[in-house]
C-alpha atoms as a PDB file:
ATOM      1  CA  MET A   1     -43.773 -48.897   1.322  1.00  0.00           C
ATOM      2  CA  LYS A   2     -42.449 -46.655   3.876  1.00  0.00           C
ATOM      3  CA  LYS A   3     -39.050 -47.354   3.087  1.00  0.00           C
ATOM      4  CA  TRP A   4     -39.371 -46.288  -0.611  1.00  0.00           C
ATOM      5  CA  LEU A   5     -41.517 -43.345   0.459  1.00  0.00           C
ATOM      6  CA  PHE A   6     -38.461 -42.203   2.844  1.00  0.00           C
ATOM      7  CA  LEU A   7     -36.116 -42.843  -0.156  1.00  0.00           C
ATOM      8  CA  PHE A   8     -38.422 -40.607  -2.672  1.00  0.00           C
ATOM      9  CA  LEU A   9     -38.541 -37.736  -0.155  1.00  0.00           C
ATOM     10  CA  LEU A  10     -34.676 -37.691   0.735  1.00  0.00           C
ATOM     11  CA  ILE A  11     -33.609 -37.785  -3.248  1.00  0.00           C
ATOM     12  CA  PRO A  12     -34.755 -33.858  -3.754  1.00  0.00           C
ATOM     13  CA  MET A  13     -32.832 -33.105  -0.575  1.00  0.00           C
ATOM     14  CA  PHE A  14     -29.762 -34.286  -1.985  1.00  0.00           C
ATOM     15  CA  GLY A  15     -30.554 -32.713  -5.164  1.00  0.00           C
ATOM     16  CA  PHE A  16     -30.688 -29.527  -3.485  1.00  0.00           C
ATOM     17  CA  SER A  17     -27.612 -30.179  -1.214  1.00  0.00           C
ATOM     18  CA  GLN A  18     -25.093 -28.613  -3.464  1.00  0.00           C
ATOM     19  CA  GLY A  19     -23.099 -26.092  -1.483  1.00  0.00           C
ATOM     20  CA  LYS A  20     -22.667 -22.448  -2.395  1.00  0.00           C
ATOM     21  CA  LEU A  21     -18.819 -23.005  -2.751  1.00  0.00           C
ATOM     22  CA  ASP A  22     -19.302 -25.819  -5.356  1.00  0.00           C
ATOM     23  CA  GLN A  23     -21.592 -23.175  -7.177  1.00  0.00           C
ATOM     24  CA  ALA A  24     -18.806 -20.527  -6.955  1.00  0.00           C
ATOM     25  CA  LYS A  25     -16.300 -22.815  -8.426  1.00  0.00           C
ATOM     26  CA  GLN A  26     -18.633 -23.863 -11.142  1.00  0.00           C
ATOM     27  CA  ASN A  27     -19.108 -19.944 -11.952  1.00  0.00           C
ATOM     28  CA  LEU A  28     -15.500 -19.146 -11.516  1.00  0.00           C
ATOM     29  CA  SER A  29     -14.626 -22.003 -13.973  1.00  0.00           C
ATOM     30  CA  SER A  30     -16.654 -20.728 -16.939  1.00  0.00           C
ATOM     31  CA  ARG A  31     -15.435 -19.407 -20.139  1.00  0.00           C
ATOM     32  CA  SER A  32     -17.196 -17.862 -23.046  1.00  0.00           C
ATOM     33  CA  ILE A  33     -16.187 -18.078 -26.577  1.00  0.00           C
ATOM     34  CA  SER A  34     -15.810 -14.308 -27.890  1.00  0.00           C
ATOM     35  CA  SER A  35     -17.289 -13.413 -31.290  1.00  0.00           C
ATOM     36  CA  ASN A  36     -15.543 -11.865 -34.172  1.00  0.00           C
ATOM     37  CA  SER A  37     -18.213  -9.760 -34.952  1.00  0.00           C
ATOM     38  CA  SER A  38     -17.020  -6.779 -32.678  1.00  0.00           C
ATOM     39  CA  SER A  39     -13.952  -6.351 -35.560  1.00  0.00           C
ATOM     40  CA  SER A  40     -16.315  -5.695 -38.337  1.00  0.00           C
ATOM     41  CA  SER A  41     -18.300  -2.866 -36.006  1.00  0.00           C
ATOM     42  CA  SER A  42     -14.588  -1.380 -35.003  1.00  0.00           C
ATOM     43  CA  SER A  43     -13.753  -1.314 -38.277  1.00  0.00           C
ATOM     44  CA  SER A  44     -16.730   0.902 -39.556  1.00  0.00           C
ATOM     45  CA  ASN A  45     -16.447   2.986 -36.486  1.00  0.00           C
ATOM     46  CA  ASN A  46     -12.771   3.970 -37.451  1.00  0.00           C
ATOM     47  CA  ASN A  47     -13.876   5.009 -40.796  1.00  0.00           C
ATOM     48  CA  THR A  48     -16.291   7.287 -39.643  1.00  0.00           C
ATOM     49  CA  SER A  49     -14.190   8.578 -36.906  1.00  0.00           C
ATOM     50  CA  ASN A  50     -11.141   9.681 -39.332  1.00  0.00           C
ATOM     51  CA  ASN A  51     -13.824  12.052 -40.765  1.00  0.00           C
ATOM     52  CA  ALA A  52     -13.526  14.233 -37.770  1.00  0.00           C
ATOM     53  CA  GLY A  53     -12.816  18.024 -38.308  1.00  0.00           C
ATOM     54  CA  PHE A  54      -9.562  19.707 -37.272  1.00  0.00           C
ATOM     55  CA  PHE A  55     -11.548  21.624 -34.570  1.00  0.00           C
ATOM     56  CA  GLU A  56     -12.779  18.370 -32.928  1.00  0.00           C
ATOM     57  CA  SER A  57      -9.640  16.968 -33.071  1.00  0.00           C
ATOM     58  CA  VAL A  58      -7.568  19.768 -30.958  1.00  0.00           C
ATOM     59  CA  LEU A  59     -10.802  19.733 -28.612  1.00  0.00           C
ATOM     60  CA  ALA A  60     -10.121  16.010 -28.102  1.00  0.00           C
ATOM     61  CA  ASP A  61      -6.186  16.528 -27.780  1.00  0.00           C
ATOM     62  CA  VAL A  62      -6.891  19.086 -24.991  1.00  0.00           C
ATOM     63  CA  PHE A  63      -9.284  17.080 -23.165  1.00  0.00           C
ATOM     64  CA  VAL A  64      -7.218  14.085 -23.122  1.00  0.00           C
ATOM     65  CA  GLU A  65      -4.262  16.055 -21.977  1.00  0.00           C
ATOM     66  CA  LEU A  66      -6.233  17.393 -19.089  1.00  0.00           C
ATOM     67  CA  PHE A  67      -7.733  14.063 -18.406  1.00  0.00           C
ATOM     68  CA  LEU A  68      -4.289  12.596 -18.013  1.00  0.00           C
ATOM     69  CA  PHE A  69      -2.882  15.409 -15.832  1.00  0.00           C
ATOM     70  CA  ILE A  70      -6.056  15.211 -13.437  1.00  0.00           C
ATOM     71  CA  SER A  71      -5.509  11.406 -13.494  1.00  0.00           C
ATOM     72  CA  TYR A  72      -1.755  11.673 -12.412  1.00  0.00           C
ATOM     73  CA  LYS A  73      -2.370  13.922  -9.970  1.00  0.00           C
ATOM     74  CA  ALA A  74      -5.296  12.043  -8.337  1.00  0.00           C
ATOM     75  CA  LEU A  75      -3.538   8.552  -8.675  1.00  0.00           C
ATOM     76  CA  LEU A  76      -0.002   9.666  -7.644  1.00  0.00           C
ATOM     77  CA  GLY A  77      -0.252  13.056  -6.114  1.00  0.00           C
ATOM     78  CA  ASP A  78       3.034  14.559  -4.428  1.00  0.00           C
ATOM     79  CA  PHE A  79       6.120  12.560  -3.643  1.00  0.00           C
ATOM     80  CA  GLU A  80       6.343  14.143  -0.060  1.00  0.00           C
ATOM     81  CA  THR A  81       9.051  12.731   2.337  1.00  0.00           C
ATOM     82  CA  ARG A  82       7.393  10.428   4.796  1.00  0.00           C
ATOM     83  CA  HIS A  83       8.877   7.859   7.649  1.00  0.00           C
ATOM     84  CA  PHE A  84       7.237   5.071   9.469  1.00  0.00           C
ATOM     85  CA  THR A  85       6.513   5.361  13.083  1.00  0.00           C
ATOM     86  CA  PRO A  86       7.416   2.666  15.519  1.00  0.00           C
ATOM     87  CA  TYR A  87       3.675   1.900  15.868  1.00  0.00           C
ATOM     88  CA  PRO A  88       0.303   3.792  15.587  1.00  0.00           C
ATOM     89  CA  TYR A  89      -0.007   6.239  18.380  1.00  0.00           C
ATOM     90  CA  TYR A  90       3.505   5.936  19.404  1.00  0.00           C
ATOM     91  CA  TYR A  91       3.937   9.743  19.579  1.00  0.00           C
ATOM     92  CA  THR A  92       1.258  12.164  20.932  1.00  0.00           C
ATOM     93  CA  ASN A  93       1.239  13.814  17.711  1.00  0.00           C
ATOM     94  CA  VAL A  94       0.920  11.375  15.328  1.00  0.00           C
ATOM     95  CA  ASN A  95      -1.963   8.805  15.209  1.00  0.00           C
ATOM     96  CA  GLY A  96      -0.901   6.858  12.251  1.00  0.00           C
ATOM     97  CA  PRO A  97       1.787   4.875  10.821  1.00  0.00           C
ATOM     98  CA  TYR A  98       3.365   7.729   8.807  1.00  0.00           C
ATOM     99  CA  ASP A  99       5.339  10.843  10.344  1.00  0.00           C
ATOM    100  CA  TYR A 100       6.547  13.887   8.332  1.00  0.00           C
ATOM    101  CA  GLY A 101      10.124  14.253   9.899  1.00  0.00           C
ATOM    102  CA  LEU A 102      12.695  11.518  10.823  1.00  0.00           C
ATOM    103  CA  GLU A 103      12.733  11.003  14.761  1.00  0.00           C
ATOM    104  CA  PRO A 104      15.058   8.758  16.478  1.00  0.00           C
ATOM    105  CA  GLY A 105      12.570   5.993  16.446  1.00  0.00           C
ATOM    106  CA  ASP A 106      11.439   5.673  13.265  1.00  0.00           C
ATOM    107  CA  LYS A 107      11.765   3.143  10.585  1.00  0.00           C
ATOM    108  CA  ARG A 108      12.596   3.198   6.980  1.00  0.00           C
ATOM    109  CA  SER A 109      10.129   0.118   5.912  1.00  0.00           C
ATOM    110  CA  PHE A 110       7.241  -1.393   7.526  1.00  0.00           C
ATOM    111  CA  ILE A 111       6.005  -5.055   7.861  1.00  0.00           C
ATOM    112  CA  ASN A 112       2.509  -5.957   9.031  1.00  0.00           C
ATOM    113  CA  VAL A 113       1.208  -9.503   9.385  1.00  0.00           C
ATOM    114  CA  GLY A 114      -1.914 -10.811  10.542  1.00  0.00           C
ATOM    115  CA  ALA A 115      -4.584 -13.373  10.576  1.00  0.00           C
ATOM    116  CA  ASN A 116      -8.481 -13.444  10.838  1.00  0.00           C
ATOM    117  CA  TYR A 117     -11.505 -15.837  11.021  1.00  0.00           C
ATOM    118  CA  PHE A 118     -14.486 -14.892   8.947  1.00  0.00           C
ATOM    119  CA  ALA A 119     -18.174 -16.308  10.257  1.00  0.00           C
ATOM    120  CA  GLY A 120     -20.403 -16.045   7.313  1.00  0.00           C
ATOM    121  CA  ASN A 121     -24.104 -16.934   6.686  1.00  0.00           C
ATOM    122  CA  ALA A 122     -23.123 -20.433   5.424  1.00  0.00           C
ATOM    123  CA  ILE A 123     -19.314 -19.847   4.368  1.00  0.00           C
ATOM    124  CA  HIS A 124     -16.697 -19.618   6.902  1.00  0.00           C
ATOM    125  CA  ALA A 125     -13.113 -18.347   5.992  1.00  0.00           C
ATOM    126  CA  VAL A 126      -9.656 -18.047   7.629  1.00  0.00           C
ATOM    127  CA  GLU A 127      -7.393 -15.588   6.160  1.00  0.00           C
ATOM    128  CA  ALA A 128      -3.504 -14.934   6.525  1.00  0.00           C
ATOM    129  CA  HIS A 129      -1.639 -11.802   4.978  1.00  0.00           C
ATOM    130  CA  VAL A 130       1.776 -10.331   4.965  1.00  0.00           C
ATOM    131  CA  ASN A 131       2.198  -6.504   4.142  1.00  0.00           C
ATOM    132  CA  TYR A 132       5.829  -5.400   3.462  1.00  0.00           C
ATOM    133  CA  ARG A 133       6.349  -1.708   2.597  1.00  0.00           C
ATOM    134  CA  PHE A 134       9.742  -1.495   1.533  1.00  0.00           C
ATOM    135  CA  ASP A 135       9.268   2.533   0.986  1.00  0.00           C
ATOM    136  CA  PRO A 136       6.691   4.783   2.527  1.00  0.00           C
ATOM    137  CA  PHE A 137       5.037   4.895  -1.051  1.00  0.00           C
ATOM    138  CA  LEU A 138       5.300   1.233  -2.241  1.00  0.00           C
ATOM    139  CA  GLY A 139       4.639  -2.131  -0.883  1.00  0.00           C
ATOM    140  CA  LEU A 140       3.889  -5.971  -1.557  1.00  0.00           C
ATOM    141  CA  GLU A 141       0.863  -7.553  -0.012  1.00  0.00           C
ATOM    142  CA  LEU A 142       0.447 -11.338   0.022  1.00  0.00           C
ATOM    143  CA  SER A 143      -2.568 -12.892   1.276  1.00  0.00           C
ATOM    144  CA  HIS A 144      -4.375 -16.480   1.343  1.00  0.00           C
ATOM    145  CA  ARG A 145      -8.068 -16.876   2.201  1.00  0.00           C
ATOM    146  CA  HIS A 146      -9.644 -20.497   2.675  1.00  0.00           C
ATOM    147  CA  PHE A 147     -12.998 -20.653   2.375  1.00  0.00           C
ATOM    148  CA  PHE A 148     -15.007 -23.605   3.620  1.00  0.00           C
ATOM    149  CA  GLU A 149     -18.468 -24.688   4.608  1.00  0.00           C
ATOM    150  CA  SER A 150     -20.517 -27.770   5.159  1.00  0.00           C
ATOM    151  CA  HIS A 151     -23.739 -28.974   3.621  1.00  0.00           C
ATOM    152  CA  LEU A 152     -25.717 -32.213   3.220  1.00  0.00           C
ATOM    153  CA  ALA A 153     -23.548 -33.434   0.497  1.00  0.00           C
ATOM    154  CA  GLY A 154     -20.323 -33.193   2.660  1.00  0.00           C
ATOM    155  CA  LYS A 155     -17.630 -30.348   2.857  1.00  0.00           C
ATOM    156  CA  ASP A 156     -16.336 -28.045   0.258  1.00  0.00           C
ATOM    157  CA  ASN A 157     -13.379 -25.433   0.437  1.00  0.00           C
ATOM    158  CA  LEU A 158     -12.122 -22.777  -1.746  1.00  0.00           C
ATOM    159  CA  LYS A 159      -8.435 -21.498  -1.773  1.00  0.00           C
ATOM    160  CA  VAL A 160      -7.812 -17.849  -2.769  1.00  0.00           C
ATOM    161  CA  SER A 161      -4.449 -16.360  -2.915  1.00  0.00           C
ATOM    162  CA  SER A 162      -3.569 -12.794  -4.356  1.00  0.00           C
ATOM    163  CA  LEU A 163      -0.280 -10.598  -4.676  1.00  0.00           C
ATOM    164  CA  MET A 164      -0.776  -6.950  -4.834  1.00  0.00           C
ATOM    165  CA  LEU A 165       1.639  -3.928  -5.419  1.00  0.00           C
ATOM    166  CA  ASN A 166       0.227  -1.299  -3.467  1.00  0.00           C
ATOM    167  CA  TYR A 167       1.024   2.605  -4.084  1.00  0.00           C
ATOM    168  CA  TYR A 168       0.057   4.546  -0.671  1.00  0.00           C
ATOM    169  CA  ARG A 169      -1.311   7.938  -2.319  1.00  0.00           C
ATOM    170  CA  ILE A 170      -2.308   9.282   1.079  1.00  0.00           C
ATOM    171  CA  ARG A 171       0.304   9.386   3.636  1.00  0.00           C
ATOM    172  CA  GLU A 172      -0.927  11.883   6.590  1.00  0.00           C
ATOM    173  CA  ARG A 173      -0.472  11.412  10.275  1.00  0.00           C
ATOM    174  CA  SER A 174      -4.199  10.598  10.958  1.00  0.00           C
ATOM    175  CA  PHE A 175      -5.079   9.364   7.551  1.00  0.00           C
ATOM    176  CA  SER A 176      -3.697   6.780   4.783  1.00  0.00           C
ATOM    177  CA  GLY A 177      -5.084   5.698   1.547  1.00  0.00           C
ATOM    178  CA  TRP A 178      -3.865   3.300  -0.753  1.00  0.00           C
ATOM    179  CA  TRP A 179      -4.701   1.408  -4.207  1.00  0.00           C
ATOM    180  CA  GLY A 180      -2.883  -1.284  -5.850  1.00  0.00           C
ATOM    181  CA  ILE A 181      -2.944  -3.869  -8.720  1.00  0.00           C
ATOM    182  CA  GLY A 182      -1.774  -7.379  -8.790  1.00  0.00           C
ATOM    183  CA  ALA A 183      -3.113 -10.889  -9.446  1.00  0.00           C
ATOM    184  CA  THR A 184      -5.234 -13.447  -7.753  1.00  0.00           C
ATOM    185  CA  TYR A 185      -4.727 -17.284  -8.048  1.00  0.00           C
ATOM    186  CA  VAL A 186      -8.095 -19.312  -7.434  1.00  0.00           C
ATOM    187  CA  GLY A 187      -7.194 -23.025  -6.497  1.00  0.00           C
ATOM    188  CA  ASN A 188      -9.102 -26.359  -6.162  1.00  0.00           C
ATOM    189  CA  GLU A 189     -10.998 -27.063  -9.272  1.00  0.00           C
ATOM    190  CA  VAL A 190     -10.587 -23.691 -10.874  1.00  0.00           C
ATOM    191  CA  HIS A 191      -6.837 -23.372 -11.222  1.00  0.00           C
ATOM    192  CA  THR A 192      -6.811 -19.871 -12.662  1.00  0.00           C
ATOM    193  CA  ILE A 193      -4.955 -16.659 -12.440  1.00  0.00           C
ATOM    194  CA  GLY A 194      -6.799 -13.391 -12.586  1.00  0.00           C
ATOM    195  CA  VAL A 195      -6.006  -9.494 -12.612  1.00  0.00           C
ATOM    196  CA  ALA A 196      -6.810  -7.935  -9.604  1.00  0.00           C
ATOM    197  CA  TYR A 197      -7.074  -4.303  -8.234  1.00  0.00           C
ATOM    198  CA  GLN A 198      -7.821  -2.814  -4.597  1.00  0.00           C
ATOM    199  CA  VAL A 199      -8.334   0.641  -2.746  1.00  0.00           C
ATOM    200  CA  GLY A 200      -8.333   1.275   0.857  1.00  0.00           C
ATOM    201  CA  VAL A 201      -8.535   3.656   3.343  1.00  0.00           C
ATOM    202  CA  GLU A 202      -7.470   4.002   7.224  1.00  0.00           C
ATOM    203  CA  VAL A 203      -8.224   6.673   9.808  1.00  0.00           C
ATOM    204  CA  TYR A 204      -6.872   7.086  13.066  1.00  0.00           C
ATOM    205  CA  PRO A 205      -9.442   9.371  14.837  1.00  0.00           C
ATOM    206  CA  ILE A 206      -8.549   9.011  18.579  1.00  0.00           C
ATOM    207  CA  LYS A 207      -6.222   6.701  20.542  1.00  0.00           C
ATOM    208  CA  PRO A 208      -6.044   3.796  20.568  1.00  0.00           C
ATOM    209  CA  ILE A 209      -8.776   2.713  17.541  1.00  0.00           C
ATOM    210  CA  SER A 210      -8.747   3.133  13.739  1.00  0.00           C
ATOM    211  CA  LEU A 211     -11.189   2.729  11.119  1.00  0.00           C
ATOM    212  CA  GLN A 212     -10.303   0.888   7.810  1.00  0.00           C
ATOM    213  CA  ALA A 213     -12.263   0.024   4.655  1.00  0.00           C
ATOM    214  CA  SER A 214     -11.029  -1.526   1.503  1.00  0.00           C
ATOM    215  CA  PHE A 215     -12.213  -3.155  -1.627  1.00  0.00           C
ATOM    216  CA  LYS A 216     -10.605  -5.730  -3.871  1.00  0.00           C
ATOM    217  CA  GLN A 217     -11.867  -7.090  -7.239  1.00  0.00           C
ATOM    218  CA  SER A 218     -10.175  -9.768  -8.938  1.00  0.00           C
ATOM    219  CA  PHE A 219     -11.175 -11.020 -12.642  1.00  0.00           C
ATOM    220  CA  ILE A 220     -11.134 -14.702 -13.075  1.00  0.00           C
ATOM    221  CA  ASN A 221     -12.281 -16.364 -16.422  1.00  0.00           C
ATOM    222  CA  GLU A 222     -15.401 -14.560 -17.034  1.00  0.00           C
ATOM    223  CA  SER A 223     -16.488 -13.995 -13.456  1.00  0.00           C
ATOM    224  CA  ASN A 224     -14.751 -12.061 -10.664  1.00  0.00           C
ATOM    225  CA  ILE A 225     -14.170 -12.157  -6.685  1.00  0.00           C
ATOM    226  CA  ASN A 226     -15.429  -9.026  -4.754  1.00  0.00           C
ATOM    227  CA  GLU A 227     -14.025  -8.411  -1.266  1.00  0.00           C
ATOM    228  CA  LEU A 228     -15.567  -5.517   0.789  1.00  0.00           C
ATOM    229  CA  LYS A 229     -14.125  -4.960   4.344  1.00  0.00           C
ATOM    230  CA  PHE A 230     -15.144  -2.577   7.328  1.00  0.00           C
ATOM    231  CA  HIS A 231     -12.729  -3.099  10.310  1.00  0.00           C
ATOM    232  CA  LEU A 232     -12.604  -1.797  13.880  1.00  0.00           C
ATOM    233  CA  LYS A 233      -9.019  -2.058  15.234  1.00  0.00           C
ATOM    234  CA  TYR A 234      -7.993  -1.549  18.787  1.00  0.00           C
ATOM    235  CA  HIS A 235      -4.214  -0.733  18.787  1.00  0.00           C
ATOM    236  CA  ARG A 236      -2.124  -1.942  21.698  1.00  0.00           C
ATOM    237  CA  LYS A 237       1.653  -0.827  20.743  1.00  0.00           C
ATOM    238  CA  LYS A 238       2.681  -3.267  17.932  1.00  0.00           C
ATOM    239  CA  THR A 239      -0.320  -5.362  18.138  1.00  0.00           C
ATOM    240  CA  ALA A 240      -3.844  -4.403  16.707  1.00  0.00           C
ATOM    241  CA  TYR A 241      -7.008  -6.669  17.358  1.00  0.00           C
ATOM    242  CA  TYR A 242      -9.868  -6.031  15.193  1.00  0.00           C
ATOM    243  CA  THR A 243     -13.547  -6.949  14.377  1.00  0.00           C
ATOM    244  CA  GLY A 244     -15.908  -5.778  11.600  1.00  0.00           C
ATOM    245  CA  TYR A 245     -17.982  -6.819   8.754  1.00  0.00           C
ATOM    246  CA  GLN A 246     -16.868  -8.570   5.373  1.00  0.00           C
ATOM    247  CA  ASP A 247     -18.969  -9.117   2.003  1.00  0.00           C
ATOM    248  CA  TYR A 248     -17.596 -11.748  -0.429  1.00  0.00           C
ATOM    249  CA  SER A 249     -19.040 -12.292  -3.889  1.00  0.00           C
ATOM    250  CA  LEU A 250     -17.437 -15.570  -5.104  1.00  0.00           C
ATOM    251  CA  GLY A 251     -18.552 -15.665  -8.663  1.00  0.00           C
ATOM    252  CA  GLY A 252     -21.864 -14.118  -7.740  1.00  0.00           C
ATOM    253  CA  VAL A 253     -22.211 -16.345  -4.797  1.00  0.00           C
ATOM    254  CA  LYS A 254     -22.634 -14.315  -1.646  1.00  0.00           C
ATOM    255  CA  ALA A 255     -20.904 -14.456   1.890  1.00  0.00           C
ATOM    256  CA  THR A 256     -21.336 -11.844   4.358  1.00  0.00           C
ATOM    257  CA  GLY A 257     -20.706 -12.015   7.971  1.00  0.00           C
ATOM    258  CA  LEU A 258     -18.475 -10.839  10.927  1.00  0.00           C
ATOM    259  CA  VAL A 259     -14.603 -11.271  11.155  1.00  0.00           C
ATOM    260  CA  LEU A 260     -11.995 -11.547  14.246  1.00  0.00           C
ATOM    261  CA  GLY A 261      -8.506 -10.839  13.544  1.00  0.00           C
ATOM    262  CA  VAL A 262      -5.331  -9.876  15.105  1.00  0.00           C
ATOM    263  CA  GLU A 263      -2.232  -7.932  13.380  1.00  0.00           C
ATOM    264  CA  LEU A 264       1.577  -7.555  14.345  1.00  0.00           C
ATOM    265  CA  ASP A 265       3.735  -4.413  13.345  1.00  0.00           C
ATOM    266  CA  PHE A 266       7.296  -5.044  12.846  1.00  0.00           C
END
């Protein structure tokens, strides 16, 4: 009798032992069937919009031109000449990686490689990345994240890789900012590639530290992966050690925690 009672109590435990990563993979794999009803609605809206007067049309054209100009200036800015310093805080008057003039030690390109360990509430992860800026304005960033967790039913993992083309919009001596577009691949049972974008800033207030904040969103099927990061870095020549806080949303499944990492500049 006790044996059957023990088994009866154990069944609900296994029923609720589904891991968070398993739920995340289910959410990221979901696809919905789009409806065709929107086509008839858009056709009706087009017929109505064609009746707009000449004055409204002129105002719309002016608004569009103004919006495009502001968007262009905000996204791209001015293409002022910049060069890469050997590493942050190399010069006394330059804190970050960008310099205005070409000094004897400056570089034409920049490579940053790094790895970190993320300790979340239930989900943990290791991440490796390579950032190659072949120009002060543009760079390629390849990253791979391996999420894993242990639960009553066993172990589970999720692999996520991203390739981004970054445009470095702000390139000042103590401050840099960027945005990028690219693609994210989710492995394991999901096997899907989706469009991704990201934005980020890094401030170099005082030697030898910097503060970095970034956000990346990847659209996977009918769901998404969000990554929010805040890092505090300690720079020692070409090496940077960092810690901070990271917040992941994997198909709606949250994972938050601390991170420890290291980066090398070349």
